[in-house]
Structures are given as C-alpha cells and as structure tokens.
Protein backbone atom coordinates (compact mmCIF):
# COMPACT_ATOMS: atom_id res chain seq x y z
CA MET A 1 0.00 0.00 0.00
CA ALA A 2 1.35 3.44 -0.91
CA ARG A 3 2.57 5.55 1.99
CA ARG A 4 0.03 8.24 2.87
CA GLU A 5 1.26 9.62 6.21
CA GLN A 6 4.52 10.58 7.89
CA GLU A 7 5.61 11.93 11.25
CA ILE A 8 7.44 15.25 11.33
CA GLU A 9 8.83 17.45 14.10
CA VAL A 10 9.53 21.14 14.53
CA LYS A 11 11.44 23.07 17.20
CA GLY A 12 11.81 26.75 18.04
CA HIS A 13 9.65 29.67 19.09
CA LEU A 14 6.65 28.09 17.41
CA ILE A 15 3.85 30.21 18.84
CA ASP A 16 4.96 33.84 18.88
CA SER A 17 6.81 33.47 15.57
CA MET A 18 3.72 31.80 14.02
CA ILE A 19 5.79 28.86 12.74
CA LEU A 20 3.31 26.21 13.87
CA THR A 21 0.38 28.23 12.54
CA ARG A 22 2.05 28.45 9.11
CA ILE A 23 2.59 24.68 9.09
CA PHE A 24 -1.07 24.05 9.95
CA ASP A 25 -2.22 26.53 7.28
CA THR A 26 0.10 25.01 4.69
CA VAL A 27 -1.26 21.50 5.21
CA MET A 28 -4.87 22.68 5.11
CA ASP A 29 -4.31 24.91 2.06
CA LEU A 30 -2.95 21.88 0.20
CA LYS A 31 -6.02 19.80 1.20
CA GLY A 32 -4.05 17.58 3.53
CA ASP A 33 -4.68 16.56 7.13
CA PHE A 34 -2.59 16.50 10.29
CA GLN A 35 -2.68 15.21 13.85
CA VAL A 36 -0.73 16.73 16.76
CA LEU A 37 0.99 13.81 18.49
CA GLU A 38 3.10 15.82 20.93
CA PHE A 39 3.33 19.50 21.82
CA THR A 40 5.60 21.00 24.48
CA VAL A 41 5.55 24.75 25.07
CA GLY A 42 8.71 26.50 26.28
CA LYS A 43 8.03 27.81 29.79
CA LYS A 44 10.55 30.66 29.76
CA LYS A 45 10.93 33.45 27.20
CA LYS A 46 14.02 31.93 25.60
CA ASP A 47 12.93 28.28 25.86
CA PRO A 48 12.03 26.69 22.50
CA SER A 49 8.81 24.78 21.97
CA TYR A 50 8.53 21.34 20.34
CA ALA A 51 5.81 19.72 18.27
CA ARG A 52 5.50 16.29 16.68
CA LEU A 53 2.83 15.92 13.99
CA LEU A 54 1.43 13.22 11.76
CA VAL A 55 0.88 14.60 8.26
CA LYS A 56 -1.60 12.75 6.03
CA GLY A 57 -2.10 12.88 2.27
CA ARG A 58 -4.51 11.28 -0.19
CA ASP A 59 -1.72 9.24 -1.77
CA GLU A 60 2.09 9.16 -1.87
CA GLU A 61 2.38 11.94 -4.43
CA HIS A 62 0.06 14.22 -2.43
CA LEU A 63 2.00 13.42 0.76
CA GLU A 64 5.28 14.36 -0.92
CA ARG A 65 3.84 17.75 -1.88
CA LEU A 66 2.66 18.30 1.69
CA LEU A 67 6.03 17.34 3.17
CA GLU A 68 7.95 19.53 0.74
CA ALA A 69 5.81 22.51 1.74
CA VAL A 70 6.07 22.02 5.53
CA TYR A 71 9.82 21.39 5.36
CA ARG A 72 10.14 24.89 3.93
CA GLU A 73 8.37 26.20 7.03
CA GLY A 74 10.99 24.63 9.30
CA ALA A 75 9.65 21.10 9.89
CA GLN A 76 11.83 17.99 9.67
CA PRO A 77 11.22 14.26 9.36
CA ILE A 78 11.69 12.32 12.62
CA SER A 79 14.48 10.23 11.07
CA VAL A 80 17.03 12.32 9.18
CA GLN A 81 18.15 11.12 5.75
CA GLU A 82 21.31 12.14 3.95
CA VAL A 83 21.07 14.87 1.35
CA GLN A 84 20.83 13.80 -2.30
CA LEU A 85 23.42 15.09 -4.78
CA GLU A 86 23.78 15.06 -8.55
CA PRO A 87 26.65 16.47 -10.64
CA ALA A 88 26.06 19.39 -12.99
CA ARG A 89 26.43 18.08 -16.54
CA LYS A 90 27.46 21.43 -18.04
CA ASP A 91 28.45 24.90 -16.90
CA ASN A 92 25.37 26.98 -15.97
CA VAL A 93 23.06 23.94 -16.05
CA MET A 94 21.59 22.41 -12.86
CA PRO A 95 20.13 18.89 -12.53
CA ASP A 96 16.41 18.82 -13.30
CA ASP A 97 15.31 18.18 -9.70
CA PHE A 98 17.60 20.80 -8.11
CA TYR A 99 16.65 22.14 -4.69
CA SER A 100 15.49 25.77 -4.95
CA THR A 101 16.57 27.78 -1.91
CA THR A 102 14.78 30.16 0.43
CA ASN A 103 16.68 33.04 2.06
CA ASN A 104 16.39 31.44 5.51
CA PRO A 105 19.37 29.83 7.30
CA THR A 106 19.75 26.38 5.75
CA GLN A 107 21.72 23.23 6.54
CA VAL A 108 22.28 19.99 4.62
CA TYR A 109 22.87 16.59 6.24
CA TYR A 110 25.93 14.81 4.82
CA ARG A 111 28.02 11.97 6.23
CA GLY A 112 26.46 12.18 9.67
CA GLN A 113 26.66 15.94 10.21
CA TRP A 114 24.64 19.07 9.52
CA ILE A 115 26.56 21.51 7.30
CA ASP A 116 25.65 25.21 7.20
CA VAL A 117 24.97 26.56 3.71
CA GLN A 118 26.94 29.75 3.15
CA ASN A 119 25.87 32.85 1.22
CA MET A 120 22.13 32.19 1.52
CA MET A 121 19.87 33.78 -1.11
CA MET A 122 16.42 32.88 -2.34
CA ASP A 123 15.71 31.08 -5.63
CA LYS A 124 19.22 29.67 -6.09
CA CYS A 125 20.73 26.18 -5.74
CA ILE A 126 23.05 24.51 -3.19
CA VAL A 127 26.43 23.14 -4.20
CA LEU A 128 28.22 20.79 -1.80
CA ASP A 129 32.00 20.33 -1.82
CA THR A 130 32.12 16.71 -0.65
CA ARG A 131 35.87 16.80 -0.01
CA LYS A 132 35.80 19.89 2.21
CA LYS A 133 32.27 19.18 3.52
CA ALA A 134 31.31 22.76 2.72
CA ALA A 135 28.03 23.92 1.18
CA GLU A 136 27.33 27.15 -0.69
CA CYS A 137 24.29 28.82 -2.24
CA LYS A 138 25.04 29.51 -5.92
CA MET A 139 23.39 31.36 -8.78
CA ILE A 140 22.81 29.33 -11.94
CA ARG A 141 25.48 31.18 -13.91
CA ASP A 142 28.06 30.28 -11.24
CA VAL A 143 27.37 26.54 -11.45
CA GLN A 144 30.27 24.67 -13.09
CA LYS A 145 30.38 21.26 -14.71
CA GLY A 146 30.94 18.60 -12.04
CA ASP A 147 29.56 20.65 -9.14
CA MET A 148 27.60 18.43 -6.77
CA VAL A 149 24.18 20.04 -6.62
CA VAL A 150 21.57 19.25 -3.97
CA VAL A 151 18.44 17.67 -5.49
CA GLY A 152 15.06 17.06 -3.88
CA GLU A 153 14.10 18.04 -0.33
CA ARG A 154 15.72 15.18 1.59
CA GLY A 155 18.43 16.08 4.08
CA VAL A 156 17.77 19.83 3.92
CA LYS A 157 16.87 21.75 7.07
CA ILE A 158 15.52 25.32 7.13
CA THR A 159 15.40 27.56 10.20
CA PRO A 160 12.63 30.15 9.70
CA VAL A 161 13.00 33.74 10.86
CA GLU A 162 11.82 34.12 14.43
CA ARG A 163 10.34 37.19 16.08
CA PRO A 164 13.03 39.16 18.01
CA ARG A 165 12.83 38.16 21.66
CA GLU A 166 14.88 40.86 23.34
CA GLY A 167 15.35 44.60 23.00
CA VAL A 168 12.78 47.07 21.70
CA ASP A 169 13.10 47.97 18.05
CA ILE A 170 11.04 48.63 14.95
CA PHE A 171 10.87 44.90 14.18
CA GLN A 172 8.99 44.21 17.40
CA PHE A 173 6.95 47.41 17.29
CA MET A 174 5.48 46.69 13.86
CA SER A 175 3.30 43.61 14.19
CA SER A 176 2.22 43.77 10.54
CA SER A 177 4.54 43.72 7.52
CA SER A 178 3.40 47.10 6.22
CA SER A 179 1.28 49.90 7.54
CA SER A 180 0.04 53.37 6.58
CA GLU A 181 -2.00 53.79 9.77
CA ARG A 182 0.71 54.14 12.39
CA PRO A 183 2.10 57.50 13.60
CA THR A 184 4.91 58.39 11.19
CA GLN A 185 7.00 60.39 13.66
CA HIS A 186 6.93 57.59 16.23
CA ILE A 187 7.91 54.98 13.65
CA ALA A 188 10.71 57.23 12.33
CA ARG A 189 12.15 57.54 15.83
CA LYS A 190 11.93 53.76 16.25
CA VAL A 191 13.83 53.28 12.98
CA ALA A 192 16.43 55.85 14.09
CA SER A 193 16.93 54.00 17.38
CA ASP A 194 17.43 50.71 15.54
CA ILE A 195 19.94 52.32 13.16
CA PHE A 196 21.78 53.76 16.16
CA ASN A 197 21.87 50.43 18.01
CA THR A 198 22.90 48.48 14.90
CA LYS A 199 25.81 50.81 14.25
CA LYS A 200 26.77 50.91 17.95
CA ALA A 201 27.06 47.10 17.84
CA GLY A 202 29.37 47.36 14.81
CA GLY A 203 26.71 46.43 12.24
CA LYS A 204 26.91 47.34 8.58
CA ILE A 205 24.01 49.43 7.20
CA ILE A 206 23.25 49.73 3.47
CA VAL A 207 20.84 52.11 1.73
CA VAL A 208 18.91 51.23 -1.44
CA SER A 209 17.25 54.27 -2.96
CA GLY A 210 15.42 55.67 -5.95
CA PRO A 211 15.42 59.25 -7.29
CA VAL A 212 12.26 60.13 -5.34
CA LEU A 213 14.64 60.70 -2.45
CA VAL A 214 15.88 63.80 -4.30
CA HIS A 215 12.51 64.89 -5.71
CA SER A 216 10.94 64.78 -2.22
CA GLY A 217 13.67 66.85 -0.61
CA ALA A 218 15.08 64.01 1.53
CA SER A 219 18.53 63.90 -0.06
CA GLU A 220 20.01 66.26 2.54
CA ALA A 221 18.76 63.95 5.31
CA LEU A 222 20.52 60.98 3.69
CA ALA A 223 23.64 63.12 3.22
CA ARG A 224 23.54 63.84 6.97
CA LEU A 225 23.33 60.12 7.77
CA ILE A 226 26.42 59.54 5.62
CA ARG A 227 28.29 62.41 7.30
CA MET A 228 27.41 61.01 10.73
CA GLY A 229 28.86 57.62 9.75
CA TYR A 230 25.68 55.55 9.80
CA ILE A 231 25.72 54.43 6.15
CA ASP A 232 28.21 51.87 4.82
CA GLY A 233 27.06 51.60 1.21
CA LEU A 234 24.59 52.96 -1.35
CA LEU A 235 22.90 50.82 -4.02
CA ALA A 236 20.89 52.65 -6.65
CA GLY A 237 20.59 53.47 -10.33
CA ASN A 238 21.63 56.23 -12.70
CA ALA A 239 18.66 58.46 -11.84
CA ILE A 240 19.43 59.18 -8.17
CA ALA A 241 22.98 60.27 -9.01
CA VAL A 242 21.85 62.45 -11.93
CA HIS A 243 19.14 64.22 -9.94
CA ASP A 244 21.36 64.52 -6.89
CA VAL A 245 23.98 66.27 -9.02
CA GLU A 246 21.27 68.39 -10.69
CA ASN A 247 20.05 69.45 -7.24
CA ALA A 248 23.56 70.23 -6.01
CA LEU A 249 24.49 72.29 -9.09
CA LEU A 250 21.17 73.88 -10.05
CA GLY A 251 18.83 73.45 -7.08
CA THR A 252 16.34 71.44 -9.12
CA SER A 253 15.27 67.85 -9.62
CA LEU A 254 13.73 67.05 -12.99
CA GLY A 255 13.56 70.80 -13.56
CA MET A 256 11.59 71.56 -10.37
CA HIS A 257 13.06 73.67 -7.57
CA VAL A 258 13.35 71.24 -4.67
CA LYS A 259 12.91 73.89 -1.97
CA ASP A 260 9.65 75.46 -3.13
CA GLY A 261 8.28 73.13 -5.81
CA THR A 262 8.27 75.75 -8.59
CA LEU A 263 9.35 74.96 -12.13
CA ALA A 264 12.65 76.38 -13.36
CA VAL A 265 12.87 78.21 -16.67
CA ARG A 266 13.89 75.65 -19.29
CA GLY A 267 14.14 73.25 -16.40
CA HIS A 268 13.50 70.26 -18.65
CA ARG A 269 17.16 70.59 -19.74
CA ASN A 270 18.58 70.50 -16.23
CA HIS A 271 19.06 66.78 -15.78
CA MET A 272 20.84 66.64 -19.14
CA ARG A 273 23.00 69.59 -18.08
CA ALA A 274 23.91 67.64 -14.94
CA ILE A 275 24.86 64.57 -16.99
CA ASN A 276 26.97 66.74 -19.26
CA GLU A 277 28.82 68.23 -16.27
CA VAL A 278 29.64 64.78 -14.94
CA PHE A 279 31.05 63.75 -18.33
CA LYS A 280 33.04 66.99 -18.57
CA ALA A 281 34.63 66.36 -15.18
CA GLY A 282 35.28 62.68 -15.84
CA GLY A 283 32.98 61.16 -13.21
CA LEU A 284 31.58 61.84 -9.75
CA LYS A 285 34.85 61.44 -7.88
CA ALA A 286 36.56 63.86 -10.27
CA MET A 287 33.73 66.36 -9.76
CA VAL A 288 34.36 66.29 -6.01
CA GLU A 289 38.14 66.49 -6.39
CA LYS A 290 37.81 69.47 -8.75
CA LYS A 291 35.38 71.10 -6.29
CA ILE A 292 32.61 71.22 -8.87
CA LEU A 293 30.33 69.02 -6.78
CA LYS A 294 30.18 70.43 -3.24
CA SER A 295 27.07 68.92 -1.67
CA GLY A 296 24.54 66.10 -1.90
CA VAL A 297 24.41 62.35 -1.42
CA MET A 298 27.02 61.46 -4.04
CA TYR A 299 29.35 64.17 -2.73
CA GLU A 300 29.17 62.73 0.79
CA CYS A 301 29.72 59.17 -0.50
CA VAL A 302 32.90 60.22 -2.31
CA ARG A 303 34.13 62.44 0.53
CA HIS A 304 33.58 59.77 3.23
CA ASN A 305 34.69 56.77 1.11
CA VAL A 306 31.25 55.15 1.25
CA PRO A 307 31.08 52.61 -1.60
CA PHE A 308 28.24 53.01 -4.07
CA VAL A 309 27.02 51.00 -7.03
CA LEU A 310 24.82 52.56 -9.72
CA ALA A 311 23.14 49.87 -11.82
CA GLY A 312 22.14 50.86 -15.34
CA SER A 313 18.84 50.27 -17.11
CA ILE A 314 17.60 50.58 -20.67
CA ARG A 315 15.75 53.83 -19.89
CA ASP A 316 18.77 55.75 -18.54
CA ASP A 317 19.73 59.16 -19.92
CA GLY A 318 23.50 59.24 -20.31
CA PRO A 319 24.13 57.19 -18.30
CA ILE A 320 26.90 58.92 -16.33
CA PRO A 321 30.37 57.31 -16.42
CA ASP A 322 29.99 55.82 -12.90
CA VAL A 323 27.02 53.64 -13.91
CA VAL A 324 27.60 49.90 -14.35
CA THR A 325 25.74 49.09 -17.57
CA ASP A 326 26.43 45.32 -17.54
CA VAL A 327 23.55 43.99 -15.41
CA VAL A 328 25.43 40.82 -14.40
CA GLU A 329 28.43 42.87 -13.27
CA ALA A 330 26.13 45.32 -11.45
CA GLN A 331 24.53 42.43 -9.58
CA ARG A 332 27.96 41.13 -8.59
CA LYS A 333 28.98 44.56 -7.30
CA TYR A 334 25.70 44.88 -5.38
CA LYS A 335 26.47 41.58 -3.65
CA GLU A 336 29.98 42.76 -2.74
CA VAL A 337 28.60 45.86 -1.01
CA LEU A 338 25.88 43.83 0.74
CA LYS A 339 28.32 41.27 2.15
CA GLY A 340 28.11 41.29 5.94
CA ALA A 341 25.19 43.76 6.07
CA ARG A 342 23.10 43.69 9.22
CA MET A 343 20.46 46.23 8.15
CA VAL A 344 19.21 47.50 4.78
CA LEU A 345 17.15 50.67 4.36
CA MET A 346 15.08 50.82 1.16
CA PHE A 347 13.72 54.19 0.07
CA SER A 348 11.17 54.55 -2.73
CA THR A 349 12.43 52.11 -5.33
CA MET A 350 10.49 48.96 -6.20
CA LEU A 351 12.85 47.28 -8.68
CA HIS A 352 16.10 47.90 -6.81
CA SER A 353 14.45 46.92 -3.51
CA ILE A 354 13.15 43.60 -4.85
CA ALA A 355 16.50 42.91 -6.51
CA VAL A 356 18.40 43.53 -3.27
CA GLY A 357 15.82 41.60 -1.24
CA ASN A 358 16.52 38.56 -3.41
CA MET A 359 20.22 38.76 -2.45
CA LEU A 360 19.72 38.95 1.32
CA PRO A 361 19.60 36.19 3.91
CA SER A 362 16.57 36.41 6.17
CA SER A 363 18.75 37.39 9.14
CA VAL A 364 19.31 40.87 7.68
CA LYS A 365 16.87 43.50 8.97
CA VAL A 366 15.08 45.33 6.16
CA VAL A 367 13.09 48.57 6.39
CA ALA A 368 11.25 49.57 3.21
CA VAL A 369 9.76 53.08 2.99
CA ASP A 370 7.48 53.99 0.10
CA ILE A 371 4.38 56.12 -0.35
CA SER A 372 2.79 53.28 -2.34
CA GLN A 373 1.37 50.35 -0.36
CA PRO A 374 1.72 47.87 -3.28
CA VAL A 375 5.49 48.50 -3.43
CA VAL A 376 6.19 47.38 0.13
CA THR A 377 3.63 44.57 -0.15
CA LYS A 378 5.24 43.28 -3.34
CA LEU A 379 8.66 43.24 -1.65
CA VAL A 380 7.33 40.94 1.08
CA ASP A 381 5.36 38.82 -1.42
CA ARG A 382 8.52 38.26 -3.49
CA GLY A 383 10.11 36.49 -0.53
CA THR A 384 11.69 39.17 1.68
CA ALA A 385 9.43 38.18 4.55
CA GLN A 386 11.62 39.84 7.20
CA ALA A 387 11.01 43.30 5.71
CA VAL A 388 9.11 45.94 7.67
CA GLY A 389 7.11 48.11 5.25
CA ILE A 390 6.35 51.72 6.13
CA VAL A 391 3.88 53.46 3.83
CA THR A 392 4.68 57.17 3.97
CA ASP A 393 6.42 60.01 2.13
CA VAL A 394 10.19 59.50 2.39
CA GLY A 395 10.59 63.28 2.13
CA ALA A 396 8.85 63.71 5.49
CA PHE A 397 10.10 60.48 7.05
CA LEU A 398 13.86 60.56 6.56
CA PRO A 399 14.50 64.05 8.05
CA ILE A 400 12.83 62.86 11.27
CA VAL A 401 15.14 59.85 11.32
CA ALA A 402 18.20 62.06 10.81
CA ASP A 403 17.09 64.55 13.49
CA HIS A 404 16.54 61.77 16.05
CA LEU A 405 19.92 60.18 15.26
CA GLU A 406 21.61 63.51 15.94
CA LYS A 407 19.85 63.66 19.33
CA LEU A 408 20.89 60.08 20.16
CA ALA A 409 24.50 60.84 19.22
CA ARG A 410 24.57 63.81 21.63
CA LYS A 411 23.41 61.75 24.63
C-alpha cells in the first residue's frame, strides 16, 4: 500500500513566531490533514517549543507535496536522511530536480553531520563540496560542470525567521509587515533607534534608494546620515545620481526647484546639463576632487569613502560614467557591497528593492519606505518576509530619522 502519512517534528519559538500556525495553514491549504501527536511549550521566554505531527495525504504523491511545503516552514522528518546530490552536466546547467533555496538559514545533512549553507539567497541552488564538507548557495550562472548540486528536499533543514525576543526595536513594534496607519514620527524615531543600536554594535548598514529621495527633498537627510557615519554603502541606479547632481548644481530635480516646488525656466534641460557636467569632469569622484560638486548624497559618499554601485537600465539618460551598464556585473557589485550587512534601508524604489531583497539572507533587517502600499507589499510577497514596510512620504520620514539620530549621538 502506498505511503500516505509521515511523522514530522519542529522546534523553536513556534507560537509567537507563528511557525506552527504556518505549518497548519500550509497542510490545510494543500487539502491535507494532520494530527498533533506531541506539543511542548517553552516555559521561559528563551525556551524553545517542540511539536511532533502526523501529516496525512490522499496518496504518496500528495503526501510528498505536503512534506515539501512544511519542510520549507521549518519542519523535519523524525528520522534524518542524507542529502541527495547530482553532478552538474554542463556549466550553468543544474540537474532537473535541483533544490530551490529560500533566504532562511539552511543546513544539509551529509556523512552524519549538519553543514551550514553559506551565502544564503532565495531562488538559487546549493552546491556541496564533498571533499571539504562545505556547502554554498550559488546562482545558476556560477554553477560549473561537475559541481555536486543538492536535489530534492531530503536532508535539507531550514530555520525560519523568528520574532526578536529581546530589546525594543522597529521589528517588534510593527506587528504587521506594512502599515500606513501608524504615527509616522513615532515609527521614524523607532527606525532611528534601531539604526543607532545596529551601528553601535558594529553592524553594517546599506541604503537602497530611488530618485524620489531627491525629488521629495530628503537627499540632505541621507547626506547627513552619511556624514554622521551611519551608512556603509549605497545601491541605486543612474537616476538618483543624476538628480542629486542636478540638485547640487542647479537646485532642481527634474527641472523643479526642490525647496519650493516651482518649475525652473527651461528646467527640462537640467538633468541633461547635470549629466553633461559629470562627463566633462570625468565622473563623480573627479567632480568632487575638482570642487565642482560640493554637496549632496554622491558628494558625501565620495568624501567619506562610502562605496556606491549605480546599476544601469535601458531607460537611462546618459548614463553617467559611474554607472555599471552590464547587469550581471552590477549584480555582482551589489552583492559585494551587501556582504556582511546587518540592516538594509530601502527608500522609494520597487525594482532595486526587490533585486536587493533577493540577495539577502533572512537574518538581515530590512526597512522599506514607500508612499505606495503595493510596493512594500510586493517586496514581502517576493520572498523578503523579514522586511518591515512603512507606507509614507520618504521626504517627510527621513529628516525625522536624521534629526533623532543627531539627538541620540549627543546623549
């Protein structure tokens, strides 16, 4: 008779992090059934809970689908089996049944031990070096012929993101993934406190931003954060640099005076004038060195040696010499800047935010600020489940953050 049920177990902060609820929902959504065989609740705040369940499917194929889904929520079979491996037949080609990763901490079971998978990202594969007993998350274009690639779900263990259990920060304060109904000033101060504490603990903080930052008048606030030493990298596109330079040289962004919102005479030319000035100087760093560029986000990045990567797109005007127009190379440079990040701040850019979210392990704190609810919702829906979405105008939000950080620094 075909197997139609299997025991599984799950450990951790199952209740307050909603892990057990997600497992129940997953089984029911897939039209399966379950029975709780054992459930032990941790009595103290840091004590983990434990549950043992019997998962039931209509047939073996249905059961396999159920098990695959609950394993991705952190469950494990009672008896651990060794991970399955198949060699890549060609460069850039994975075996057909390759394991597709989440961005959660992941381990594989090989030769009697659990091996941590390094460089976790979502929607990639796992390559195991059997000689060194080392596992790494790899993109498809980095897979080489002969690489031993993990296939199937057997012998793979995921540890889901758990709710922070100590300290008071924005990630505990916000119980929902995105909100437009909370007091903006209070949230901004919470974000500032978390930035302050992250940096105080030696954490690396990266900003991902779109040109709205300049249009909304928030560029000076970001420049202040860079001057104060809170920002360790900037990831963006051609537009933010162009409009930042336009604002610094001409006081406009897309031909509109940033300070009062009035249109400049022949202002439609201004962003092209800014691009031309960058080319004339030979790049952003040269503009700073020649004292042509004397203020703004890009000026502060150059002056304080904060690395930045500007990724090109097909719609760019120019683009300026500093833009990386090879998308594969831009992605590689993004990953270099993100290495070791503890917190990522995303300001009003859907495409760059989703792209960066796909590169981050779930342990990295993410704050996404956008005036459009669908933008922050889409970021979470695309897999960056740890992101806190704040629906507000970045032009009003970021200056509050900068002001509060200055107050915290003076204490």
